[in-house]
Full PDB file with SEQRES, HELIX, SHEET, SSBOND, CRYST1, ORIGX, SCALE, CONECT and MASTER records, all heavy atoms in Angstrom:
SEQRES   1 A   36  ASP SER VAL SER ILE LYS GLY MET LEU PHE MET ALA GLY          
SEQRES   2 A   36  CYS PRO ALA ARG LYS GLY ILE ARG ALA THR LYS ASP ALA          
SEQRES   3 A   36  PRO VAL CYS GLU ARG MET ARG ASN ALA GLY                      
HELIX    1 AA1 PRO A   15  ARG A   17  5                                   3    
HELIX    2 AA2 PRO A   27  ASN A   34  1                                   8    
CRYST1    1.000    1.000    1.000  90.00  90.00  90.00 P 1           1          
ORIGX1      1.000000  0.000000  0.000000        0.00000                         
ORIGX2      0.000000  1.000000  0.000000        0.00000                         
ORIGX3      0.000000  0.000000  1.000000        0.00000                         
SCALE1      1.000000  0.000000  0.000000        0.00000                         
SCALE2      0.000000  1.000000  0.000000        0.00000                         
SCALE3      0.000000  0.000000  1.000000        0.00000                         
ATOM      1  N   ASP A   1     -32.497  14.862  20.483  1.00  0.00           N  
ATOM      2  CA  ASP A   1     -33.091  15.837  21.410  1.00  0.00           C  
ATOM      3  C   ASP A   1     -32.553  17.253  21.200  1.00  0.00           C  
ATOM      4  O   ASP A   1     -32.903  18.166  21.923  1.00  0.00           O  
ATOM      5  CB  ASP A   1     -32.919  15.393  22.863  1.00  0.00           C  
ATOM      6  CG  ASP A   1     -31.503  15.493  23.366  1.00  0.00           C  
ATOM      7  OD1 ASP A   1     -30.569  15.404  22.554  1.00  0.00           O  
ATOM      8  OD2 ASP A   1     -31.325  15.651  24.587  1.00  0.00           O  
ATOM      9  N   SER A   2     -31.744  17.419  20.165  1.00  0.00           N  
ATOM     10  CA  SER A   2     -31.273  18.762  19.810  1.00  0.00           C  
ATOM     11  C   SER A   2     -32.108  19.351  18.674  1.00  0.00           C  
ATOM     12  O   SER A   2     -31.875  20.482  18.257  1.00  0.00           O  
ATOM     13  CB  SER A   2     -29.793  18.717  19.407  1.00  0.00           C  
ATOM     14  OG  SER A   2     -29.610  17.837  18.318  1.00  0.00           O  
ATOM     15  N   VAL A   3     -33.080  18.590  18.192  1.00  0.00           N  
ATOM     16  CA  VAL A   3     -34.004  19.048  17.157  1.00  0.00           C  
ATOM     17  C   VAL A   3     -35.396  19.036  17.764  1.00  0.00           C  
ATOM     18  O   VAL A   3     -35.861  17.997  18.237  1.00  0.00           O  
ATOM     19  CB  VAL A   3     -33.953  18.125  15.911  1.00  0.00           C  
ATOM     20  CG1 VAL A   3     -34.973  18.564  14.883  1.00  0.00           C  
ATOM     21  CG2 VAL A   3     -32.555  18.103  15.316  1.00  0.00           C  
ATOM     22  N   SER A   4     -36.057  20.162  17.772  1.00  0.00           N  
ATOM     23  CA  SER A   4     -37.351  20.221  18.458  1.00  0.00           C  
ATOM     24  C   SER A   4     -38.439  19.501  17.676  1.00  0.00           C  
ATOM     25  O   SER A   4     -38.645  19.736  16.491  1.00  0.00           O  
ATOM     26  CB  SER A   4     -37.753  21.663  18.752  1.00  0.00           C  
ATOM     27  OG  SER A   4     -38.095  22.361  17.590  1.00  0.00           O  
ATOM     28  N   ILE A   5     -39.099  18.609  18.404  1.00  0.00           N  
ATOM     29  CA  ILE A   5     -40.292  17.923  17.925  1.00  0.00           C  
ATOM     30  C   ILE A   5     -41.351  18.230  18.977  1.00  0.00           C  
ATOM     31  O   ILE A   5     -41.185  17.884  20.150  1.00  0.00           O  
ATOM     32  CB  ILE A   5     -40.068  16.404  17.794  1.00  0.00           C  
ATOM     33  CG1 ILE A   5     -38.954  16.103  16.782  1.00  0.00           C  
ATOM     34  CG2 ILE A   5     -41.372  15.708  17.403  1.00  0.00           C  
ATOM     35  CD1 ILE A   5     -38.568  14.634  16.705  1.00  0.00           C  
ATOM     36  N   LYS A   6     -42.389  18.912  18.567  1.00  0.00           N  
ATOM     37  CA  LYS A   6     -43.385  19.419  19.514  1.00  0.00           C  
ATOM     38  C   LYS A   6     -43.792  18.363  20.543  1.00  0.00           C  
ATOM     39  O   LYS A   6     -44.173  17.252  20.202  1.00  0.00           O  
ATOM     40  CB  LYS A   6     -44.621  19.912  18.769  1.00  0.00           C  
ATOM     41  CG  LYS A   6     -45.629  20.587  19.662  1.00  0.00           C  
ATOM     42  CD  LYS A   6     -46.798  21.131  18.887  1.00  0.00           C  
ATOM     43  CE  LYS A   6     -47.780  21.790  19.850  1.00  0.00           C  
ATOM     44  NZ  LYS A   6     -48.890  22.394  19.151  1.00  0.00           N  
ATOM     45  N   GLY A   7     -43.667  18.752  21.815  1.00  0.00           N  
ATOM     46  CA  GLY A   7     -44.059  17.884  22.916  1.00  0.00           C  
ATOM     47  C   GLY A   7     -42.988  16.938  23.413  1.00  0.00           C  
ATOM     48  O   GLY A   7     -43.124  16.336  24.472  1.00  0.00           O  
ATOM     49  N   MET A   8     -41.897  16.826  22.671  1.00  0.00           N  
ATOM     50  CA  MET A   8     -40.831  15.895  23.031  1.00  0.00           C  
ATOM     51  C   MET A   8     -39.731  16.627  23.815  1.00  0.00           C  
ATOM     52  O   MET A   8     -39.606  17.848  23.739  1.00  0.00           O  
ATOM     53  CB  MET A   8     -40.216  15.277  21.768  1.00  0.00           C  
ATOM     54  CG  MET A   8     -41.212  14.548  20.887  1.00  0.00           C  
ATOM     55  SD  MET A   8     -41.815  13.031  21.617  1.00  0.00           S  
ATOM     56  CE  MET A   8     -40.352  12.035  21.572  1.00  0.00           C  
ATOM     57  N   LEU A   9     -38.935  15.849  24.550  1.00  0.00           N  
ATOM     58  CA  LEU A   9     -37.808  16.442  25.263  1.00  0.00           C  
ATOM     59  C   LEU A   9     -36.892  17.149  24.277  1.00  0.00           C  
ATOM     60  O   LEU A   9     -36.599  16.637  23.199  1.00  0.00           O  
ATOM     61  CB  LEU A   9     -37.038  15.368  26.036  1.00  0.00           C  
ATOM     62  CG  LEU A   9     -37.769  14.801  27.251  1.00  0.00           C  
ATOM     63  CD1 LEU A   9     -36.994  13.619  27.845  1.00  0.00           C  
ATOM     64  CD2 LEU A   9     -37.997  15.868  28.312  1.00  0.00           C  
ATOM     65  N   PHE A  10     -36.439  18.342  24.671  1.00  0.00           N  
ATOM     66  CA  PHE A  10     -35.628  19.201  23.806  1.00  0.00           C  
ATOM     67  C   PHE A  10     -34.483  19.749  24.646  1.00  0.00           C  
ATOM     68  O   PHE A  10     -34.425  20.909  24.988  1.00  0.00           O  
ATOM     69  CB  PHE A  10     -36.520  20.321  23.257  1.00  0.00           C  
ATOM     70  CG  PHE A  10     -35.858  21.256  22.294  1.00  0.00           C  
ATOM     71  CD1 PHE A  10     -34.966  20.818  21.335  1.00  0.00           C  
ATOM     72  CD2 PHE A  10     -36.159  22.604  22.334  1.00  0.00           C  
ATOM     73  CE1 PHE A  10     -34.378  21.695  20.447  1.00  0.00           C  
ATOM     74  CE2 PHE A  10     -35.576  23.502  21.451  1.00  0.00           C  
ATOM     75  CZ  PHE A  10     -34.687  23.042  20.503  1.00  0.00           C  
ATOM     76  N   MET A  11     -33.550  18.852  24.983  1.00  0.00           N  
ATOM     77  CA  MET A  11     -32.500  19.204  25.932  1.00  0.00           C  
ATOM     78  C   MET A  11     -31.150  19.472  25.294  1.00  0.00           C  
ATOM     79  O   MET A  11     -30.270  20.038  25.932  1.00  0.00           O  
ATOM     80  CB  MET A  11     -32.373  18.099  26.977  1.00  0.00           C  
ATOM     81  CG  MET A  11     -33.690  17.857  27.719  1.00  0.00           C  
ATOM     82  SD  MET A  11     -33.610  16.633  29.023  1.00  0.00           S  
ATOM     83  CE  MET A  11     -33.048  15.185  28.187  1.00  0.00           C  
ATOM     84  N   ALA A  12     -30.963  19.048  24.060  1.00  0.00           N  
ATOM     85  CA  ALA A  12     -29.711  19.273  23.337  1.00  0.00           C  
ATOM     86  C   ALA A  12     -28.486  18.774  24.106  1.00  0.00           C  
ATOM     87  O   ALA A  12     -27.410  19.333  23.998  1.00  0.00           O  
ATOM     88  CB  ALA A  12     -29.561  20.753  22.977  1.00  0.00           C  
ATOM     89  N   GLY A  13     -28.678  17.737  24.903  1.00  0.00           N  
ATOM     90  CA  GLY A  13     -27.553  17.154  25.642  1.00  0.00           C  
ATOM     91  C   GLY A  13     -27.028  18.031  26.763  1.00  0.00           C  
ATOM     92  O   GLY A  13     -25.939  17.791  27.268  1.00  0.00           O  
ATOM     93  N   CYS A  14     -27.765  19.048  27.154  1.00  0.00           N  
ATOM     94  CA  CYS A  14     -27.320  20.001  28.167  1.00  0.00           C  
ATOM     95  C   CYS A  14     -28.043  19.741  29.487  1.00  0.00           C  
ATOM     96  O   CYS A  14     -29.272  19.861  29.550  1.00  0.00           O  
ATOM     97  CB  CYS A  14     -27.601  21.415  27.674  1.00  0.00           C  
ATOM     98  SG  CYS A  14     -27.101  22.692  28.814  1.00  0.00           S  
ATOM     99  N   PRO A  15     -27.316  19.399  30.540  1.00  0.00           N  
ATOM    100  CA  PRO A  15     -27.967  19.120  31.828  1.00  0.00           C  
ATOM    101  C   PRO A  15     -28.853  20.256  32.336  1.00  0.00           C  
ATOM    102  O   PRO A  15     -29.868  20.007  32.983  1.00  0.00           O  
ATOM    103  CB  PRO A  15     -26.791  18.879  32.775  1.00  0.00           C  
ATOM    104  CG  PRO A  15     -25.679  18.426  31.898  1.00  0.00           C  
ATOM    105  CD  PRO A  15     -25.865  19.174  30.605  1.00  0.00           C  
ATOM    106  N   ALA A  16     -28.504  21.496  32.018  1.00  0.00           N  
ATOM    107  CA  ALA A  16     -29.303  22.636  32.472  1.00  0.00           C  
ATOM    108  C   ALA A  16     -30.684  22.672  31.803  1.00  0.00           C  
ATOM    109  O   ALA A  16     -31.589  23.340  32.302  1.00  0.00           O  
ATOM    110  CB  ALA A  16     -28.561  23.944  32.195  1.00  0.00           C  
ATOM    111  N   ARG A  17     -30.838  21.952  30.698  1.00  0.00           N  
ATOM    112  CA  ARG A  17     -32.119  21.924  29.980  1.00  0.00           C  
ATOM    113  C   ARG A  17     -32.948  20.684  30.330  1.00  0.00           C  
ATOM    114  O   ARG A  17     -33.962  20.418  29.695  1.00  0.00           O  
ATOM    115  CB  ARG A  17     -31.875  21.973  28.474  1.00  0.00           C  
ATOM    116  CG  ARG A  17     -31.277  23.295  28.006  1.00  0.00           C  
ATOM    117  CD  ARG A  17     -31.093  23.311  26.492  1.00  0.00           C  
ATOM    118  NE  ARG A  17     -32.301  23.014  25.758  1.00  0.00           N  
ATOM    119  CZ  ARG A  17     -33.247  23.892  25.434  1.00  0.00           C  
ATOM    120  NH1 ARG A  17     -33.136  25.152  25.792  1.00  0.00           N  
ATOM    121  NH2 ARG A  17     -34.307  23.512  24.749  1.00  0.00           N  
ATOM    122  N   LYS A  18     -32.540  19.956  31.358  1.00  0.00           N  
ATOM    123  CA  LYS A  18     -33.228  18.718  31.726  1.00  0.00           C  
ATOM    124  C   LYS A  18     -34.731  18.950  31.889  1.00  0.00           C  
ATOM    125  O   LYS A  18     -35.150  19.874  32.573  1.00  0.00           O  
ATOM    126  CB  LYS A  18     -32.651  18.149  33.022  1.00  0.00           C  
ATOM    127  CG  LYS A  18     -33.264  16.830  33.405  1.00  0.00           C  
ATOM    128  CD  LYS A  18     -32.615  16.246  34.639  1.00  0.00           C  
ATOM    129  CE  LYS A  18     -33.257  14.897  34.939  1.00  0.00           C  
ATOM    130  NZ  LYS A  18     -32.654  14.253  36.084  1.00  0.00           N  
ATOM    131  N   GLY A  19     -35.520  18.115  31.218  1.00  0.00           N  
ATOM    132  CA  GLY A  19     -36.969  18.167  31.330  1.00  0.00           C  
ATOM    133  C   GLY A  19     -37.661  19.166  30.424  1.00  0.00           C  
ATOM    134  O   GLY A  19     -38.887  19.205  30.381  1.00  0.00           O  
ATOM    135  N   ILE A  20     -36.916  19.958  29.680  1.00  0.00           N  
ATOM    136  CA  ILE A  20     -37.530  20.950  28.785  1.00  0.00           C  
ATOM    137  C   ILE A  20     -38.107  20.239  27.560  1.00  0.00           C  
ATOM    138  O   ILE A  20     -37.467  19.386  26.964  1.00  0.00           O  
ATOM    139  CB  ILE A  20     -36.508  22.030  28.369  1.00  0.00           C  
ATOM    140  CG1 ILE A  20     -36.137  22.871  29.590  1.00  0.00           C  
ATOM    141  CG2 ILE A  20     -37.050  22.896  27.233  1.00  0.00           C  
ATOM    142  CD1 ILE A  20     -35.112  23.934  29.337  1.00  0.00           C  
ATOM    143  N   ARG A  21     -39.333  20.622  27.227  1.00  0.00           N  
ATOM    144  CA  ARG A  21     -40.017  20.038  26.080  1.00  0.00           C  
ATOM    145  C   ARG A  21     -40.208  21.093  24.998  1.00  0.00           C  
ATOM    146  O   ARG A  21     -40.419  22.267  25.285  1.00  0.00           O  
ATOM    147  CB  ARG A  21     -41.368  19.454  26.487  1.00  0.00           C  
ATOM    148  CG  ARG A  21     -41.207  18.277  27.421  1.00  0.00           C  
ATOM    149  CD  ARG A  21     -42.478  17.483  27.599  1.00  0.00           C  
ATOM    150  NE  ARG A  21     -42.181  16.292  28.374  1.00  0.00           N  
ATOM    151  CZ  ARG A  21     -41.770  15.146  27.879  1.00  0.00           C  
ATOM    152  NH1 ARG A  21     -41.610  15.019  26.577  1.00  0.00           N  
ATOM    153  NH2 ARG A  21     -41.507  14.113  28.656  1.00  0.00           N  
ATOM    154  N   ALA A  22     -40.141  20.649  23.769  1.00  0.00           N  
ATOM    155  CA  ALA A  22     -40.315  21.545  22.627  1.00  0.00           C  
ATOM    156  C   ALA A  22     -41.761  22.018  22.536  1.00  0.00           C  
ATOM    157  O   ALA A  22     -42.687  21.229  22.723  1.00  0.00           O  
ATOM    158  CB  ALA A  22     -39.910  20.836  21.338  1.00  0.00           C  
ATOM    159  N   THR A  23     -41.933  23.283  22.249  1.00  0.00           N  
ATOM    160  CA  THR A  23     -43.278  23.849  22.101  1.00  0.00           C  
ATOM    161  C   THR A  23     -43.730  23.867  20.644  1.00  0.00           C  
ATOM    162  O   THR A  23     -44.904  24.104  20.360  1.00  0.00           O  
ATOM    163  CB  THR A  23     -43.331  25.273  22.668  1.00  0.00           C  
ATOM    164  OG1 THR A  23     -42.354  26.080  21.998  1.00  0.00           O  
ATOM    165  CG2 THR A  23     -43.055  25.270  24.172  1.00  0.00           C  
ATOM    166  N   LYS A  24     -42.783  23.643  19.738  1.00  0.00           N  
ATOM    167  CA  LYS A  24     -43.126  23.582  18.310  1.00  0.00           C  
ATOM    168  C   LYS A  24     -42.092  22.711  17.600  1.00  0.00           C  
ATOM    169  O   LYS A  24     -41.033  22.391  18.152  1.00  0.00           O  
ATOM    170  CB  LYS A  24     -43.177  24.975  17.690  1.00  0.00           C  
ATOM    171  CG  LYS A  24     -41.845  25.700  17.689  1.00  0.00           C  
ATOM    172  CD  LYS A  24     -41.990  27.064  17.059  1.00  0.00           C  
ATOM    173  CE  LYS A  24     -40.629  27.740  16.949  1.00  0.00           C  
ATOM    174  NZ  LYS A  24     -40.690  28.982  16.219  1.00  0.00           N  
ATOM    175  N   ASP A  25     -42.397  22.342  16.389  1.00  0.00           N  
ATOM    176  CA  ASP A  25     -41.476  21.561  15.572  1.00  0.00           C  
ATOM    177  C   ASP A  25     -40.398  22.455  14.971  1.00  0.00           C  
ATOM    178  O   ASP A  25     -40.684  23.592  14.572  1.00  0.00           O  
ATOM    179  CB  ASP A  25     -42.211  20.893  14.403  1.00  0.00           C  
ATOM    180  CG  ASP A  25     -43.080  19.720  14.819  1.00  0.00           C  
ATOM    181  OD1 ASP A  25     -42.822  19.131  15.881  1.00  0.00           O  
ATOM    182  OD2 ASP A  25     -44.009  19.383  14.057  1.00  0.00           O  
ATOM    183  N   ALA A  26     -39.190  21.925  14.896  1.00  0.00           N  
ATOM    184  CA  ALA A  26     -38.130  22.590  14.135  1.00  0.00           C  
ATOM    185  C   ALA A  26     -38.537  22.555  12.660  1.00  0.00           C  
ATOM    186  O   ALA A  26     -39.321  21.694  12.244  1.00  0.00           O  
ATOM    187  CB  ALA A  26     -36.813  21.858  14.329  1.00  0.00           C  
ATOM    188  N   PRO A  27     -38.017  23.471  11.854  1.00  0.00           N  
ATOM    189  CA  PRO A  27     -38.373  23.471  10.428  1.00  0.00           C  
ATOM    190  C   PRO A  27     -38.173  22.110   9.753  1.00  0.00           C  
ATOM    191  O   PRO A  27     -39.018  21.690   8.962  1.00  0.00           O  
ATOM    192  CB  PRO A  27     -37.458  24.543   9.831  1.00  0.00           C  
ATOM    193  CG  PRO A  27     -37.253  25.511  10.960  1.00  0.00           C  
ATOM    194  CD  PRO A  27     -37.166  24.639  12.188  1.00  0.00           C  
ATOM    195  N   VAL A  28     -37.102  21.419  10.080  1.00  0.00           N  
ATOM    196  CA  VAL A  28     -36.867  20.120   9.446  1.00  0.00           C  
ATOM    197  C   VAL A  28     -37.942  19.113   9.841  1.00  0.00           C  
ATOM    198  O   VAL A  28     -38.416  18.335   9.013  1.00  0.00           O  
ATOM    199  CB  VAL A  28     -35.450  19.580   9.749  1.00  0.00           C  
ATOM    200  CG1 VAL A  28     -35.280  19.248  11.233  1.00  0.00           C  
ATOM    201  CG2 VAL A  28     -35.140  18.366   8.896  1.00  0.00           C  
ATOM    202  N   CYS A  29     -38.355  19.140  11.081  1.00  0.00           N  
ATOM    203  CA  CYS A  29     -39.413  18.239  11.544  1.00  0.00           C  
ATOM    204  C   CYS A  29     -40.747  18.621  10.912  1.00  0.00           C  
ATOM    205  O   CYS A  29     -41.524  17.750  10.495  1.00  0.00           O  
ATOM    206  CB  CYS A  29     -39.501  18.256  13.057  1.00  0.00           C  
ATOM    207  SG  CYS A  29     -40.742  17.130  13.700  1.00  0.00           S  
ATOM    208  N   GLU A  30     -41.011  19.901  10.823  1.00  0.00           N  
ATOM    209  CA  GLU A  30     -42.238  20.374  10.184  1.00  0.00           C  
ATOM    210  C   GLU A  30     -42.299  19.901   8.726  1.00  0.00           C  
ATOM    211  O   GLU A  30     -43.341  19.437   8.254  1.00  0.00           O  
ATOM    212  CB  GLU A  30     -42.302  21.901  10.259  1.00  0.00           C  
ATOM    213  CG  GLU A  30     -43.570  22.487   9.709  1.00  0.00           C  
ATOM    214  CD  GLU A  30     -43.602  24.007   9.825  1.00  0.00           C  
ATOM    215  OE1 GLU A  30     -42.694  24.612  10.422  1.00  0.00           O  
ATOM    216  OE2 GLU A  30     -44.570  24.588   9.299  1.00  0.00           O  
ATOM    217  N   ARG A  31     -41.173  19.983   8.037  1.00  0.00           N  
ATOM    218  CA  ARG A  31     -41.118  19.531   6.642  1.00  0.00           C  
ATOM    219  C   ARG A  31     -41.333  18.019   6.546  1.00  0.00           C  
ATOM    220  O   ARG A  31     -41.999  17.541   5.620  1.00  0.00           O  
ATOM    221  CB  ARG A  31     -39.796  19.930   6.011  1.00  0.00           C  
ATOM    222  CG  ARG A  31     -39.699  21.413   5.749  1.00  0.00           C  
ATOM    223  CD  ARG A  31     -38.391  21.793   5.058  1.00  0.00           C  
ATOM    224  NE  ARG A  31     -38.270  23.226   5.009  1.00  0.00           N  
ATOM    225  CZ  ARG A  31     -37.385  23.936   5.692  1.00  0.00           C  
ATOM    226  NH1 ARG A  31     -36.515  23.335   6.478  1.00  0.00           N  
ATOM    227  NH2 ARG A  31     -37.354  25.244   5.580  1.00  0.00           N  
ATOM    228  N   MET A  32     -40.756  17.266   7.475  1.00  0.00           N  
ATOM    229  CA  MET A  32     -40.950  15.815   7.488  1.00  0.00           C  
ATOM    230  C   MET A  32     -42.429  15.500   7.689  1.00  0.00           C  
ATOM    231  O   MET A  32     -42.984  14.642   6.977  1.00  0.00           O  
ATOM    232  CB  MET A  32     -40.108  15.171   8.593  1.00  0.00           C  
ATOM    233  CG  MET A  32     -38.612  15.272   8.396  1.00  0.00           C  
ATOM    234  SD  MET A  32     -37.970  14.090   7.228  1.00  0.00           S  
ATOM    235  CE  MET A  32     -38.084  12.588   8.182  1.00  0.00           C  
ATOM    236  N   ARG A  33     -43.069  16.150   8.643  1.00  0.00           N  
ATOM    237  CA  ARG A  33     -44.496  15.909   8.879  1.00  0.00           C  
ATOM    238  C   ARG A  33     -45.324  16.286   7.653  1.00  0.00           C  
ATOM    239  O   ARG A  33     -46.239  15.567   7.271  1.00  0.00           O  
ATOM    240  CB  ARG A  33     -44.989  16.703  10.085  1.00  0.00           C  
ATOM    241  CG  ARG A  33     -44.552  16.131  11.417  1.00  0.00           C  
ATOM    242  CD  ARG A  33     -45.342  16.849  12.503  1.00  0.00           C  
ATOM    243  NE  ARG A  33     -44.715  16.840  13.800  1.00  0.00           N  
ATOM    244  CZ  ARG A  33     -45.247  16.259  14.875  1.00  0.00           C  
ATOM    245  NH1 ARG A  33     -46.389  15.611  14.782  1.00  0.00           N  
ATOM    246  NH2 ARG A  33     -44.639  16.333  16.028  1.00  0.00           N  
ATOM    247  N   ASN A  34     -45.007  17.439   7.048  1.00  0.00           N  
ATOM    248  CA  ASN A  34     -45.737  17.861   5.840  1.00  0.00           C  
ATOM    249  C   ASN A  34     -45.561  16.873   4.690  1.00  0.00           C  
ATOM    250  O   ASN A  34     -46.442  16.748   3.848  1.00  0.00           O  
ATOM    251  CB  ASN A  34     -45.310  19.252   5.412  1.00  0.00           C  
ATOM    252  CG  ASN A  34     -45.813  20.334   6.351  1.00  0.00           C  
ATOM    253  OD1 ASN A  34     -46.749  20.127   7.124  1.00  0.00           O  
ATOM    254  ND2 ASN A  34     -45.181  21.492   6.315  1.00  0.00           N  
ATOM    255  N   ALA A  35     -44.433  16.172   4.697  1.00  0.00           N  
ATOM    256  CA  ALA A  35     -44.187  15.146   3.678  1.00  0.00           C  
ATOM    257  C   ALA A  35     -44.867  13.832   4.033  1.00  0.00           C  
ATOM    258  O   ALA A  35     -44.792  12.868   3.272  1.00  0.00           O  
ATOM    259  CB  ALA A  35     -42.679  14.937   3.495  1.00  0.00           C  
ATOM    260  N   GLY A  36     -45.527  13.783   5.206  1.00  0.00           N  
ATOM    261  CA  GLY A  36     -46.280  12.606   5.600  1.00  0.00           C  
ATOM    262  C   GLY A  36     -45.615  11.706   6.603  1.00  0.00           C  
ATOM    263  O   GLY A  36     -46.186  10.699   7.030  1.00  0.00           O  
TER     264      GLY A  36                                                      
MASTER        0    0    0    2    0    0    0    6  263    1    0    3          
END                                                                             
C-alpha cells in the first residue's frame, strides 16, 4: 500500500492516510501493466 495502484488503497502504513486511494499507477506499476 506504499506503491500506488490506481483505485487501490494507498496509505503507506500511515494512520493519517486511512482510506486514501491512488488516483494513478506508480511508475513501477505502470511498467508492470505495460509488460502485461
